[in-house]
């Protein structure tokens, strides 16, 4: 797929980025290629633990999006996301320096 086609599938820049320009930064760009995620990340937060907050917010927002767009119960969607995180996190924690956690 070429860059122009990918750009058409890209998400728009979100509203609400009203902080000073030097404080606004994109942390991750994640694509799914049919078998797994392909991503670029920027470790820009001073405290690595804050990424956990970002991931928790993502899970919460994804569960609401699945409820709104796909008819899932929000709590069921959130549990599925959390359960999957637990399994994937355990697998990632048990791997030794690999290219991906999968």
PDB file of N, CA and C in Angstrom:
ATOM      1  N   UNK A   1       0.855  -1.166   0.000  1.00  0.00           N
ATOM      2  CA  UNK A   1       0.000   0.000   0.000  1.00  0.00           C
ATOM      3  C   UNK A   1       0.905   1.234   0.000  1.00  0.00           C
ATOM      4  N   UNK A   2       0.613   2.200  -0.840  1.00  0.00           N
ATOM      5  CA  UNK A   2       1.471   3.383  -0.911  1.00  0.00           C
ATOM      6  C   UNK A   2       1.092   4.415   0.157  1.00  0.00           C
ATOM      7  N   UNK A   3       1.947   5.401   0.327  1.00  0.00           N
ATOM      8  CA  UNK A   3       1.771   6.405   1.392  1.00  0.00           C
ATOM      9  C   UNK A   3       0.472   7.182   1.237  1.00  0.00           C
ATOM     10  N   UNK A   4       0.074   7.505   0.015  1.00  0.00           N
ATOM     11  CA  UNK A   4      -1.162   8.262  -0.198  1.00  0.00           C
ATOM     12  C   UNK A   4      -2.373   7.454   0.258  1.00  0.00           C
ATOM     13  N   UNK A   5      -2.391   6.155  -0.063  1.00  0.00           N
ATOM     14  CA  UNK A   5      -3.495   5.300   0.359  1.00  0.00           C
ATOM     15  C   UNK A   5      -3.520   5.158   1.879  1.00  0.00           C
ATOM     16  N   UNK A   6      -2.343   5.040   2.483  1.00  0.00           N
ATOM     17  CA  UNK A   6      -2.278   4.957   3.943  1.00  0.00           C
ATOM     18  C   UNK A   6      -2.757   6.251   4.591  1.00  0.00           C
ATOM     19  N   UNK A   7      -2.378   7.373   4.021  1.00  0.00           N
ATOM     20  CA  UNK A   7      -2.788   8.671   4.579  1.00  0.00           C
ATOM     21  C   UNK A   7      -4.307   8.812   4.573  1.00  0.00           C
ATOM     22  N   UNK A   8      -4.972   8.259   3.567  1.00  0.00           N
ATOM     23  CA  UNK A   8      -6.436   8.318   3.510  1.00  0.00           C
ATOM     24  C   UNK A   8      -7.065   7.500   4.636  1.00  0.00           C
ATOM     25  N   UNK A   9      -6.335   6.515   5.148  1.00  0.00           N
ATOM     26  CA  UNK A   9      -6.846   5.684   6.233  1.00  0.00           C
ATOM     27  C   UNK A   9      -6.403   6.182   7.607  1.00  0.00           C
ATOM     28  N   UNK A  10      -5.566   7.200   7.636  1.00  0.00           N
ATOM     29  CA  UNK A  10      -5.048   7.727   8.899  1.00  0.00           C
ATOM     30  C   UNK A  10      -6.155   8.451   9.666  1.00  0.00           C
ATOM     31  N   UNK A  11      -6.041   8.416  10.971  1.00  0.00           N
ATOM     32  CA  UNK A  11      -6.981   9.145  11.816  1.00  0.00           C
ATOM     33  C   UNK A  11      -6.667  10.633  11.775  1.00  0.00           C
ATOM     34  N   UNK A  12      -7.684  11.473  11.944  1.00  0.00           N
ATOM     35  CA  UNK A  12      -7.433  12.912  11.973  1.00  0.00           C
ATOM     36  C   UNK A  12      -6.757  13.319  13.280  1.00  0.00           C
ATOM     37  N   UNK A  13      -6.147  14.469  13.265  1.00  0.00           N
ATOM     38  CA  UNK A  13      -5.578  15.023  14.499  1.00  0.00           C
ATOM     39  C   UNK A  13      -6.742  15.373  15.420  1.00  0.00           C
ATOM     40  N   UNK A  14      -6.694  14.950  16.682  1.00  0.00           N
ATOM     41  CA  UNK A  14      -7.834  15.170  17.580  1.00  0.00           C
ATOM     42  C   UNK A  14      -7.998  16.634  17.967  1.00  0.00           C
ATOM     43  N   UNK A  15      -9.242  16.956  18.298  1.00  0.00           N
ATOM     44  CA  UNK A  15      -9.533  18.286  18.822  1.00  0.00           C
ATOM     45  C   UNK A  15      -9.057  18.349  20.268  1.00  0.00           C
ATOM     46  N   UNK A  16      -8.904  19.541  20.800  1.00  0.00           N
ATOM     47  CA  UNK A  16      -8.554  19.693  22.203  1.00  0.00           C
ATOM     48  C   UNK A  16      -7.069  19.780  22.473  1.00  0.00           C
ATOM     49  N   UNK A  17      -6.278  19.917  21.434  1.00  0.00           N
ATOM     50  CA  UNK A  17      -4.832  20.067  21.632  1.00  0.00           C
ATOM     51  C   UNK A  17      -4.520  21.549  21.824  1.00  0.00           C
ATOM     52  N   UNK A  18      -5.029  22.098  22.906  1.00  0.00           N
ATOM     53  CA  UNK A  18      -4.914  23.530  23.143  1.00  0.00           C
ATOM     54  C   UNK A  18      -3.802  23.893  24.125  1.00  0.00           C
ATOM     55  N   UNK A  19      -2.909  22.953  24.394  1.00  0.00           N
ATOM     56  CA  UNK A  19      -1.752  23.235  25.241  1.00  0.00           C
ATOM     57  C   UNK A  19      -0.712  23.965  24.398  1.00  0.00           C
ATOM     58  N   UNK A  20       0.259  24.574  25.030  1.00  0.00           N
ATOM     59  CA  UNK A  20       1.336  25.213  24.258  1.00  0.00           C
ATOM     60  C   UNK A  20       1.985  24.206  23.305  1.00  0.00           C
ATOM     61  N   UNK A  21       2.369  24.683  22.139  1.00  0.00           N
ATOM     62  CA  UNK A  21       2.880  23.815  21.076  1.00  0.00           C
ATOM     63  C   UNK A  21       4.017  22.903  21.529  1.00  0.00           C
ATOM     64  N   UNK A  22       4.890  23.397  22.383  1.00  0.00           N
ATOM     65  CA  UNK A  22       6.028  22.574  22.812  1.00  0.00           C
ATOM     66  C   UNK A  22       5.620  21.450  23.771  1.00  0.00           C
ATOM     67  N   UNK A  23       4.359  21.446  24.241  1.00  0.00           N
ATOM     68  CA  UNK A  23       3.878  20.389  25.127  1.00  0.00           C
ATOM     69  C   UNK A  23       3.053  19.322  24.404  1.00  0.00           C
ATOM     70  N   UNK A  24       2.680  19.591  23.149  1.00  0.00           N
ATOM     71  CA  UNK A  24       1.848  18.664  22.388  1.00  0.00           C
ATOM     72  C   UNK A  24       2.752  17.796  21.521  1.00  0.00           C
ATOM     73  N   UNK A  25       2.640  16.474  21.684  1.00  0.00           N
ATOM     74  CA  UNK A  25       3.487  15.561  20.930  1.00  0.00           C
ATOM     75  C   UNK A  25       2.739  14.257  20.674  1.00  0.00           C
ATOM     76  N   UNK A  26       2.892  13.722  19.496  1.00  0.00           N
ATOM     77  CA  UNK A  26       2.308  12.427  19.170  1.00  0.00           C
ATOM     78  C   UNK A  26       3.192  11.351  19.795  1.00  0.00           C
ATOM     79  N   UNK A  27       2.588  10.455  20.555  1.00  0.00           N
ATOM     80  CA  UNK A  27       3.341   9.417  21.263  1.00  0.00           C
ATOM     81  C   UNK A  27       3.475   8.131  20.463  1.00  0.00           C
ATOM     82  N   UNK A  28       2.473   7.811  19.664  1.00  0.00           N
ATOM     83  CA  UNK A  28       2.505   6.540  18.939  1.00  0.00           C
ATOM     84  C   UNK A  28       1.660   6.626  17.682  1.00  0.00           C
ATOM     85  N   UNK A  29       2.062   5.876  16.712  1.00  0.00           N
ATOM     86  CA  UNK A  29       1.267   5.670  15.510  1.00  0.00           C
ATOM     87  C   UNK A  29       1.246   4.162  15.311  1.00  0.00           C
ATOM     88  N   UNK A  30       0.052   3.570  15.359  1.00  0.00           N
ATOM     89  CA  UNK A  30      -0.085   2.118  15.329  1.00  0.00           C
ATOM     90  C   UNK A  30      -0.993   1.729  14.166  1.00  0.00           C
ATOM     91  N   UNK A  31      -0.517   0.796  13.362  1.00  0.00           N
ATOM     92  CA  UNK A  31      -1.284   0.259  12.238  1.00  0.00           C
ATOM     93  C   UNK A  31      -1.408  -1.243  12.436  1.00  0.00           C
ATOM     94  N   UNK A  32      -2.445  -1.837  11.891  1.00  0.00           N
ATOM     95  CA  UNK A  32      -2.636  -3.277  11.923  1.00  0.00           C
ATOM     96  C   UNK A  32      -2.463  -3.784  10.498  1.00  0.00           C
ATOM     97  N   UNK A  33      -1.582  -4.753  10.289  1.00  0.00           N
ATOM     98  CA  UNK A  33      -1.317  -5.233   8.934  1.00  0.00           C
ATOM     99  C   UNK A  33      -2.007  -6.552   8.613  1.00  0.00           C
ATOM    100  N   UNK A  34      -2.993  -6.933   9.386  1.00  0.00           N
ATOM    101  CA  UNK A  34      -3.714  -8.173   9.164  1.00  0.00           C
ATOM    102  C   UNK A  34      -3.258  -9.292  10.075  1.00  0.00           C
ATOM    103  N   UNK A  35      -2.031  -9.223  10.539  1.00  0.00           N
ATOM    104  CA  UNK A  35      -1.527 -10.266  11.430  1.00  0.00           C
ATOM    105  C   UNK A  35      -0.997  -9.710  12.743  1.00  0.00           C
ATOM    106  N   UNK A  36      -0.766  -8.416  12.806  1.00  0.00           N
ATOM    107  CA  UNK A  36      -0.236  -7.834  14.033  1.00  0.00           C
ATOM    108  C   UNK A  36       0.011  -6.351  13.877  1.00  0.00           C
ATOM    109  N   UNK A  37       0.372  -5.696  14.963  1.00  0.00           N
ATOM    110  CA  UNK A  37       0.590  -4.249  14.901  1.00  0.00           C
ATOM    111  C   UNK A  37       1.950  -3.895  14.304  1.00  0.00           C
ATOM    112  N   UNK A  38       1.954  -2.795  13.584  1.00  0.00           N
ATOM    113  CA  UNK A  38       3.166  -2.164  13.085  1.00  0.00           C
ATOM    114  C   UNK A  38       3.121  -0.758  13.680  1.00  0.00           C
ATOM    115  N   UNK A  39       4.197  -0.324  14.329  1.00  0.00           N
ATOM    116  CA  UNK A  39       4.097   0.947  15.035  1.00  0.00           C
ATOM    117  C   UNK A  39       5.387   1.741  15.038  1.00  0.00           C
ATOM    118  N   UNK A  40       5.208   3.014  15.200  1.00  0.00           N
ATOM    119  CA  UNK A  40       6.285   3.937  15.529  1.00  0.00           C
ATOM    120  C   UNK A  40       5.924   4.519  16.879  1.00  0.00           C
ATOM    121  N   UNK A  41       6.884   4.546  17.777  1.00  0.00           N
ATOM    122  CA  UNK A  41       6.626   5.105  19.105  1.00  0.00           C
ATOM    123  C   UNK A  41       7.658   6.179  19.415  1.00  0.00           C
ATOM    124  N   UNK A  42       7.264   7.098  20.274  1.00  0.00           N
ATOM    125  CA  UNK A  42       8.162   8.151  20.738  1.00  0.00           C
ATOM    126  C   UNK A  42       8.134   8.132  22.258  1.00  0.00           C
ATOM    127  N   UNK A  43       9.209   7.699  22.899  1.00  0.00           N
ATOM    128  CA  UNK A  43       9.245   7.663  24.365  1.00  0.00           C
ATOM    129  C   UNK A  43       9.497   9.062  24.928  1.00  0.00           C
ATOM    130  N   UNK A  44       8.511   9.929  24.789  1.00  0.00           N
ATOM    131  CA  UNK A  44       8.692  11.344  25.098  1.00  0.00           C
ATOM    132  C   UNK A  44       8.285  11.736  26.515  1.00  0.00           C
ATOM    133  N   UNK A  45       7.592  10.861  27.220  1.00  0.00           N
ATOM    134  CA  UNK A  45       7.176  11.207  28.582  1.00  0.00           C
ATOM    135  C   UNK A  45       8.337  10.975  29.533  1.00  0.00           C
ATOM    136  N   UNK A  46       8.536  11.904  30.451  1.00  0.00           N
ATOM    137  CA  UNK A  46       9.682  11.821  31.365  1.00  0.00           C
ATOM    138  C   UNK A  46       9.631  10.581  32.246  1.00  0.00           C
ATOM    139  N   UNK A  47       8.438  10.167  32.639  1.00  0.00           N
ATOM    140  CA  UNK A  47       8.260   9.005  33.509  1.00  0.00           C
ATOM    141  C   UNK A  47       7.665   7.850  32.708  1.00  0.00           C
ATOM    142  N   UNK A  48       8.377   6.732  32.577  1.00  0.00           N
ATOM    143  CA  UNK A  48       7.830   5.602  31.826  1.00  0.00           C
ATOM    144  C   UNK A  48       6.485   5.123  32.362  1.00  0.00           C
ATOM    145  N   UNK A  49       6.257   5.258  33.651  1.00  0.00           N
ATOM    146  CA  UNK A  49       4.993   4.829  34.239  1.00  0.00           C
ATOM    147  C   UNK A  49       3.789   5.563  33.678  1.00  0.00           C
ATOM    148  N   UNK A  50       3.998   6.761  33.155  1.00  0.00           N
ATOM    149  CA  UNK A  50       2.881   7.503  32.567  1.00  0.00           C
ATOM    150  C   UNK A  50       2.342   6.824  31.311  1.00  0.00           C
ATOM    151  N   UNK A  51       3.153   5.993  30.664  1.00  0.00           N
ATOM    152  CA  UNK A  51       2.659   5.249  29.512  1.00  0.00           C
ATOM    153  C   UNK A  51       1.580   4.269  29.965  1.00  0.00           C
ATOM    154  N   UNK A  52       1.698   3.741  31.175  1.00  0.00           N
ATOM    155  CA  UNK A  52       0.638   2.888  31.716  1.00  0.00           C
ATOM    156  C   UNK A  52      -0.677   3.635  31.813  1.00  0.00           C
ATOM    157  N   UNK A  53      -0.629   4.908  32.188  1.00  0.00           N
ATOM    158  CA  UNK A  53      -1.831   5.735  32.240  1.00  0.00           C
ATOM    159  C   UNK A  53      -2.408   5.883  30.834  1.00  0.00           C
ATOM    160  N   UNK A  54      -1.544   6.133  29.856  1.00  0.00           N
ATOM    161  CA  UNK A  54      -1.981   6.271  28.463  1.00  0.00           C
ATOM    162  C   UNK A  54      -2.653   4.976  28.002  1.00  0.00           C
ATOM    163  N   UNK A  55      -2.042   3.831  28.291  1.00  0.00           N
ATOM    164  CA  UNK A  55      -2.603   2.547  27.874  1.00  0.00           C
ATOM    165  C   UNK A  55      -3.949   2.276  28.540  1.00  0.00           C
ATOM    166  N   UNK A  56      -4.075   2.636  29.818  1.00  0.00           N
ATOM    167  CA  UNK A  56      -5.353   2.456  30.515  1.00  0.00           C
ATOM    168  C   UNK A  56      -6.427   3.346  29.898  1.00  0.00           C
ATOM    169  N   UNK A  57      -6.077   4.578  29.562  1.00  0.00           N
ATOM    170  CA  UNK A  57      -7.028   5.484  28.899  1.00  0.00           C
ATOM    171  C   UNK A  57      -7.433   4.929  27.532  1.00  0.00           C
ATOM    172  N   UNK A  58      -6.469   4.382  26.801  1.00  0.00           N
ATOM    173  CA  UNK A  58      -6.781   3.774  25.504  1.00  0.00           C
ATOM    174  C   UNK A  58      -7.786   2.640  25.668  1.00  0.00           C
ATOM    175  N   UNK A  59      -7.561   1.776  26.652  1.00  0.00           N
ATOM    176  CA  UNK A  59      -8.471   0.649  26.876  1.00  0.00           C
ATOM    177  C   UNK A  59      -9.874   1.155  27.176  1.00  0.00           C
ATOM    178  N   UNK A  60      -9.972   2.167  28.026  1.00  0.00           N
ATOM    179  CA  UNK A  60     -11.279   2.722  28.384  1.00  0.00           C
ATOM    180  C   UNK A  60     -11.968   3.313  27.159  1.00  0.00           C
ATOM    181  N   UNK A  61     -11.247   4.105  26.385  1.00  0.00           N
ATOM    182  CA  UNK A  61     -11.834   4.727  25.189  1.00  0.00           C
ATOM    183  C   UNK A  61     -12.183   3.683  24.132  1.00  0.00           C
ATOM    184  N   UNK A  62     -11.322   2.676  23.955  1.00  0.00           N
ATOM    185  CA  UNK A  62     -11.642   1.612  23.003  1.00  0.00           C
ATOM    186  C   UNK A  62     -12.911   0.869  23.422  1.00  0.00           C
ATOM    187  N   UNK A  63     -13.082   0.598  24.705  1.00  0.00           N
ATOM    188  CA  UNK A  63     -14.282  -0.127  25.140  1.00  0.00           C
ATOM    189  C   UNK A  63     -15.536   0.679  24.834  1.00  0.00           C
ATOM    190  N   UNK A  64     -15.479   1.982  24.997  1.00  0.00           N
ATOM    191  CA  UNK A  64     -16.627   2.831  24.654  1.00  0.00           C
ATOM    192  C   UNK A  64     -16.852   2.857  23.147  1.00  0.00           C
ATOM    193  N   UNK A  65     -15.769   2.899  22.366  1.00  0.00           N
ATOM    194  CA  UNK A  65     -15.901   2.904  20.907  1.00  0.00           C
ATOM    195  C   UNK A  65     -16.512   1.591  20.417  1.00  0.00           C
ATOM    196  N   UNK A  66     -16.098   0.460  20.999  1.00  0.00           N
ATOM    197  CA  UNK A  66     -16.686  -0.822  20.611  1.00  0.00           C
ATOM    198  C   UNK A  66     -18.163  -0.873  20.982  1.00  0.00           C
ATOM    199  N   UNK A  67     -18.528  -0.285  22.096  1.00  0.00           N
ATOM    200  CA  UNK A  67     -19.941  -0.236  22.480  1.00  0.00           C
ATOM    201  C   UNK A  67     -20.725   0.639  21.493  1.00  0.00           C
ATOM    202  N   UNK A  68     -20.180   1.776  21.161  1.00  0.00           N
ATOM    203  CA  UNK A  68     -20.887   2.718  20.287  1.00  0.00           C
ATOM    204  C   UNK A  68     -20.942   2.239  18.841  1.00  0.00           C
ATOM    205  N   UNK A  69     -19.856   1.698  18.323  1.00  0.00           N
ATOM    206  CA  UNK A  69     -19.774   1.388  16.893  1.00  0.00           C
ATOM    207  C   UNK A  69     -20.058  -0.068  16.542  1.00  0.00           C
ATOM    208  N   UNK A  70     -19.934  -0.967  17.519  1.00  0.00           N
ATOM    209  CA  UNK A  70     -20.099  -2.388  17.212  1.00  0.00           C
ATOM    210  C   UNK A  70     -21.124  -3.089  18.097  1.00  0.00           C
ATOM    211  N   UNK A  71     -21.807  -2.333  18.946  1.00  0.00           N
ATOM    212  CA  UNK A  71     -22.886  -2.898  19.735  1.00  0.00           C
ATOM    213  C   UNK A  71     -22.477  -3.730  20.942  1.00  0.00           C
ATOM    214  N   UNK A  72     -21.200  -3.693  21.310  1.00  0.00           N
ATOM    215  CA  UNK A  72     -20.756  -4.419  22.495  1.00  0.00           C
ATOM    216  C   UNK A  72     -21.239  -3.705  23.750  1.00  0.00           C
ATOM    217  N   UNK A  73     -21.447  -4.449  24.803  1.00  0.00           N
ATOM    218  CA  UNK A  73     -21.628  -3.852  26.115  1.00  0.00           C
ATOM    219  C   UNK A  73     -20.271  -3.273  26.523  1.00  0.00           C
ATOM    220  N   UNK A  74     -20.234  -2.043  26.994  1.00  0.00           N
ATOM    221  CA  UNK A  74     -18.963  -1.376  27.294  1.00  0.00           C
ATOM    222  C   UNK A  74     -18.151  -2.139  28.331  1.00  0.00           C
ATOM    223  N   UNK A  75     -18.784  -2.607  29.387  1.00  0.00           N
ATOM    224  CA  UNK A  75     -18.044  -3.332  30.424  1.00  0.00           C
ATOM    225  C   UNK A  75     -17.502  -4.667  29.902  1.00  0.00           C
ATOM    226  N   UNK A  76     -18.268  -5.334  29.037  1.00  0.00           N
ATOM    227  CA  UNK A  76     -17.803  -6.583  28.437  1.00  0.00           C
ATOM    228  C   UNK A  76     -16.607  -6.314  27.529  1.00  0.00           C
ATOM    229  N   UNK A  77     -16.692  -5.243  26.742  1.00  0.00           N
ATOM    230  CA  UNK A  77     -15.576  -4.883  25.861  1.00  0.00           C
ATOM    231  C   UNK A  77     -14.341  -4.535  26.686  1.00  0.00           C
ATOM    232  N   UNK A  78     -14.529  -3.774  27.764  1.00  0.00           N
ATOM    233  CA  UNK A  78     -13.397  -3.408  28.610  1.00  0.00           C
ATOM    234  C   UNK A  78     -12.758  -4.645  29.238  1.00  0.00           C
ATOM    235  N   UNK A  79     -13.585  -5.592  29.681  1.00  0.00           N
ATOM    236  CA  UNK A  79     -13.050  -6.827  30.263  1.00  0.00           C
ATOM    237  C   UNK A  79     -12.269  -7.621  29.209  1.00  0.00           C
ATOM    238  N   UNK A  80     -12.776  -7.703  27.995  1.00  0.00           N
ATOM    239  CA  UNK A  80     -12.073  -8.425  26.930  1.00  0.00           C
ATOM    240  C   UNK A  80     -10.725  -7.772  26.641  1.00  0.00           C
ATOM    241  N   UNK A  81     -10.695  -6.453  26.613  1.00  0.00           N
ATOM    242  CA  UNK A  81      -9.442  -5.728  26.385  1.00  0.00           C
ATOM    243  C   UNK A  81      -8.480  -5.992  27.546  1.00  0.00           C
ATOM    244  N   UNK A  82      -8.976  -5.887  28.770  1.00  0.00           N
ATOM    245  CA  UNK A  82      -8.133  -6.100  29.951  1.00  0.00           C
ATOM    246  C   UNK A  82      -7.605  -7.524  30.022  1.00  0.00           C
ATOM    247  N   UNK A  83      -8.471  -8.503  29.742  1.00  0.00           N
ATOM    248  CA  UNK A  83      -8.040  -9.901  29.767  1.00  0.00           C
ATOM    249  C   UNK A  83      -6.971 -10.164  28.710  1.00  0.00           C
ATOM    250  N   UNK A  84      -7.184  -9.615  27.528  1.00  0.00           N
ATOM    251  CA  UNK A  84      -6.198  -9.770  26.457  1.00  0.00           C
ATOM    252  C   UNK A  84      -4.878  -9.104  26.837  1.00  0.00           C
ATOM    253  N   UNK A  85      -4.966  -7.935  27.455  1.00  0.00           N
ATOM    254  CA  UNK A  85      -3.750  -7.248  27.936  1.00  0.00           C
ATOM    255  C   UNK A  85      -2.998  -8.130  28.922  1.00  0.00           C
ATOM    256  N   UNK A  86      -3.730  -8.717  29.866  1.00  0.00           N
ATOM    257  CA  UNK A  86      -3.079  -9.566  30.870  1.00  0.00           C
ATOM    258  C   UNK A  86      -2.324 -10.720  30.211  1.00  0.00           C
ATOM    259  N   UNK A  87      -2.972 -11.390  29.243  1.00  0.00           N
ATOM    260  CA  UNK A  87      -2.317 -12.513  28.559  1.00  0.00           C
ATOM    261  C   UNK A  87      -1.107 -12.027  27.759  1.00  0.00           C
ATOM    262  N   UNK A  88      -1.279 -10.963  26.984  1.00  0.00           N
ATOM    263  CA  UNK A  88      -0.187 -10.448  26.150  1.00  0.00           C
ATOM    264  C   UNK A  88       0.944  -9.907  27.018  1.00  0.00           C
ATOM    265  N   UNK A  89       0.604  -9.250  28.118  1.00  0.00           N
ATOM    266  CA  UNK A  89       1.616  -8.707  29.012  1.00  0.00           C
ATOM    267  C   UNK A  89       2.432  -9.825  29.650  1.00  0.00           C
ATOM    268  N   UNK A  90       1.772 -10.895  30.073  1.00  0.00           N
ATOM    269  CA  UNK A  90       2.486 -12.032  30.660  1.00  0.00           C
ATOM    270  C   UNK A  90       3.426 -12.648  29.629  1.00  0.00           C
ATOM    271  N   UNK A  91       2.958 -12.776  28.396  1.00  0.00           N
ATOM    272  CA  UNK A  91       3.801 -13.336  27.344  1.00  0.00           C
ATOM    273  C   UNK A  91       4.984 -12.415  27.054  1.00  0.00           C
ATOM    274  N   UNK A  92       4.732 -11.115  26.975  1.00  0.00           N
ATOM    275  CA  UNK A  92       5.810 -10.154  26.708  1.00  0.00           C
ATOM    276  C   UNK A  92       6.838 -10.166  27.830  1.00  0.00           C
ATOM    277  N   UNK A  93       6.358 -10.263  29.068  1.00  0.00           N
ATOM    278  CA  UNK A  93       7.271 -10.266  30.210  1.00  0.00           C
ATOM    279  C   UNK A  93       8.144 -11.512  30.246  1.00  0.00           C
ATOM    280  N   UNK A  94       7.673 -12.588  29.633  1.00  0.00           N
ATOM    281  CA  UNK A  94       8.434 -13.828  29.666  1.00  0.00           C
ATOM    282  C   UNK A  94       9.401 -13.971  28.486  1.00  0.00           C
ATOM    283  N   UNK A  95       9.307 -13.073  27.515  1.00  0.00           N
ATOM    284  CA  UNK A  95      10.188 -13.171  26.349  1.00  0.00           C
ATOM    285  C   UNK A  95      11.523 -12.511  26.636  1.00  0.00           C
ATOM    286  N   UNK A  96      12.521 -12.978  25.945  1.00  0.00           N
ATOM    287  CA  UNK A  96      13.852 -12.401  26.067  1.00  0.00           C
ATOM    288  C   UNK A  96      14.160 -11.688  24.764  1.00  0.00           C
ATOM    289  N   UNK A  97      14.399 -10.399  24.850  1.00  0.00           N
ATOM    290  CA  UNK A  97      14.798  -9.564  23.706  1.00  0.00           C
ATOM    291  C   UNK A  97      14.401 -10.121  22.350  1.00  0.00           C
ATOM    292  N   UNK A  98      13.146  -9.943  22.022  1.00  0.00           N
ATOM    293  CA  UNK A  98      12.661 -10.339  20.696  1.00  0.00           C
ATOM    294  C   UNK A  98      12.207  -9.094  19.961  1.00  0.00           C
ATOM    295  N   UNK A  99      11.906  -9.262  18.696  1.00  0.00           N
ATOM    296  CA  UNK A  99      11.462  -8.131  17.891  1.00  0.00           C
ATOM    297  C   UNK A  99      10.088  -7.638  18.292  1.00  0.00           C
ATOM    298  N   UNK A 100       9.240  -8.546  18.781  1.00  0.00           N
ATOM    299  CA  UNK A 100       7.889  -8.189  19.154  1.00  0.00           C
ATOM    300  C   UNK A 100       7.458  -9.033  20.354  1.00  0.00           C
ATOM    301  N   UNK A 101       6.464  -8.541  21.058  1.00  0.00           N
ATOM    302  CA  UNK A 101       5.986  -9.245  22.238  1.00  0.00           C
ATOM    303  C   UNK A 101       5.068 -10.401  21.880  1.00  0.00           C
ATOM    304  N   UNK A 102       4.625 -10.476  20.627  1.00  0.00           N
ATOM    305  CA  UNK A 102       3.661 -11.519  20.249  1.00  0.00           C
ATOM    306  C   UNK A 102       4.308 -12.867  20.158  1.00  0.00           C
TER     307      UNK A 102
END
